[in-house]
């Protein structure tokens, strides 16, 4: 993902995902709130 999209995503409070990953999430029925929870968990473990 390019820096502009990453900054826009961070400002909006949404996980930084590409159009491709968003399409895959939709195909697999993965909700964005579930992704946010996983990303929050993984970032808290790395700190």
C-alpha atoms as a PDB file:
ATOM      1  CA  UNK A   1       0.000   0.000   0.000  1.00  0.00           C
ATOM      2  CA  UNK A   2       1.307   3.436  -0.824  1.00  0.00           C
ATOM      3  CA  UNK A   3       1.938   6.003   1.946  1.00  0.00           C
ATOM      4  CA  UNK A   4      -1.013   8.198   0.959  1.00  0.00           C
ATOM      5  CA  UNK A   5      -3.503   5.336   1.270  1.00  0.00           C
ATOM      6  CA  UNK A   6      -1.923   4.254   4.561  1.00  0.00           C
ATOM      7  CA  UNK A   7      -2.217   7.774   5.995  1.00  0.00           C
ATOM      8  CA  UNK A   8      -5.808   8.123   4.804  1.00  0.00           C
ATOM      9  CA  UNK A   9      -6.689   4.743   6.278  1.00  0.00           C
ATOM     10  CA  UNK A  10      -5.052   5.606   9.603  1.00  0.00           C
ATOM     11  CA  UNK A  11      -6.934   8.905   9.745  1.00  0.00           C
ATOM     12  CA  UNK A  12     -10.227   7.145   9.056  1.00  0.00           C
ATOM     13  CA  UNK A  13      -9.550   4.534  11.727  1.00  0.00           C
ATOM     14  CA  UNK A  14      -9.845   1.641   9.300  1.00  0.00           C
ATOM     15  CA  UNK A  15      -7.287  -1.111   8.853  1.00  0.00           C
ATOM     16  CA  UNK A  16      -4.864  -0.449   6.010  1.00  0.00           C
ATOM     17  CA  UNK A  17      -5.970  -2.912   3.338  1.00  0.00           C
ATOM     18  CA  UNK A  18      -5.521  -2.917  -0.395  1.00  0.00           C
ATOM     19  CA  UNK A  19      -8.378  -3.290  -2.843  1.00  0.00           C
ATOM     20  CA  UNK A  20      -7.242  -6.865  -3.448  1.00  0.00           C
ATOM     21  CA  UNK A  21      -7.278  -7.770   0.238  1.00  0.00           C
ATOM     22  CA  UNK A  22     -10.656  -6.076   0.664  1.00  0.00           C
ATOM     23  CA  UNK A  23     -12.031  -8.236  -2.176  1.00  0.00           C
ATOM     24  CA  UNK A  24     -10.577 -11.386  -0.577  1.00  0.00           C
ATOM     25  CA  UNK A  25     -12.067 -10.448   2.787  1.00  0.00           C
ATOM     26  CA  UNK A  26     -15.450 -10.017   1.140  1.00  0.00           C
ATOM     27  CA  UNK A  27     -15.142 -13.376  -0.658  1.00  0.00           C
ATOM     28  CA  UNK A  28     -14.276 -15.113   2.607  1.00  0.00           C
ATOM     29  CA  UNK A  29     -16.854 -13.294   4.729  1.00  0.00           C
ATOM     30  CA  UNK A  30     -14.291 -11.610   6.976  1.00  0.00           C
ATOM     31  CA  UNK A  31     -15.758  -8.519   8.620  1.00  0.00           C
ATOM     32  CA  UNK A  32     -13.658  -5.381   8.971  1.00  0.00           C
ATOM     33  CA  UNK A  33     -14.273  -5.252  12.735  1.00  0.00           C
ATOM     34  CA  UNK A  34     -12.806  -8.767  13.038  1.00  0.00           C
ATOM     35  CA  UNK A  35      -9.756  -7.640  11.090  1.00  0.00           C
ATOM     36  CA  UNK A  36      -9.400  -4.586  13.325  1.00  0.00           C
ATOM     37  CA  UNK A  37      -9.529  -6.809  16.415  1.00  0.00           C
ATOM     38  CA  UNK A  38      -6.844  -9.111  15.013  1.00  0.00           C
ATOM     39  CA  UNK A  39      -4.612  -6.192  14.059  1.00  0.00           C
ATOM     40  CA  UNK A  40      -5.040  -4.612  17.503  1.00  0.00           C
ATOM     41  CA  UNK A  41      -4.196  -7.927  19.167  1.00  0.00           C
ATOM     42  CA  UNK A  42      -1.109  -8.481  17.038  1.00  0.00           C
ATOM     43  CA  UNK A  43       0.152  -4.939  17.571  1.00  0.00           C
ATOM     44  CA  UNK A  44      -0.298  -5.243  21.334  1.00  0.00           C
ATOM     45  CA  UNK A  45       1.689  -8.484  21.369  1.00  0.00           C
ATOM     46  CA  UNK A  46       4.593  -6.888  19.474  1.00  0.00           C
ATOM     47  CA  UNK A  47       4.912  -3.954  21.853  1.00  0.00           C
END
